[in-house]
């Protein structure tokens, strides 16, 4: 799993505390607003759209991703999409599995991509041999074709992402 650098440790602890210490379980949109207050949330997806996407990709989305998409069909995080819309998820997975894209990379059949950093790196859930999809989040680094565990769950992913990418992006000077 990816480690939070020392200079971001306090921000991670604060966000995790806000989510963990809530008096009641938080909806996905509430967690997103805590982690990324300036992010734009899309209208909720429909069950039928999720089911259709799963059929096109041949996998069932993890329950957390399904639940998040039913609250917001994607997150626009200023410079990236930490969670893409259903249409983007389908497109991204189809493109990344194409022969042209795979010409100089290892296969991606074992990953279900769902988000991006805005710099070419993407986030995915593991797909197991039996067709099941895990709940840990992996990051694929496009320069090295490296795939490493990024977070233990979608909830932890939102916190890590907010601290590592969103907070850094939010503090960039305006162009």
Foldseek 3Di string as FASTA:
>chain_A
DDDDDPVLVVLLVVLVCVQVVPPDHDQLVVSLCSLQVPKDFAQADDPVLQVVLCVLLVARDPPNLNRNNRHGQWIHLPQWTQFHGSVVQSVVVVVCQDCVNCVPADHDNQWRWGIDLNPPKTKTFGQDPVRYTAAFIWIQDVVVRDIDTDGRHPSSVSSSCSSPRSVVVVPDDDD
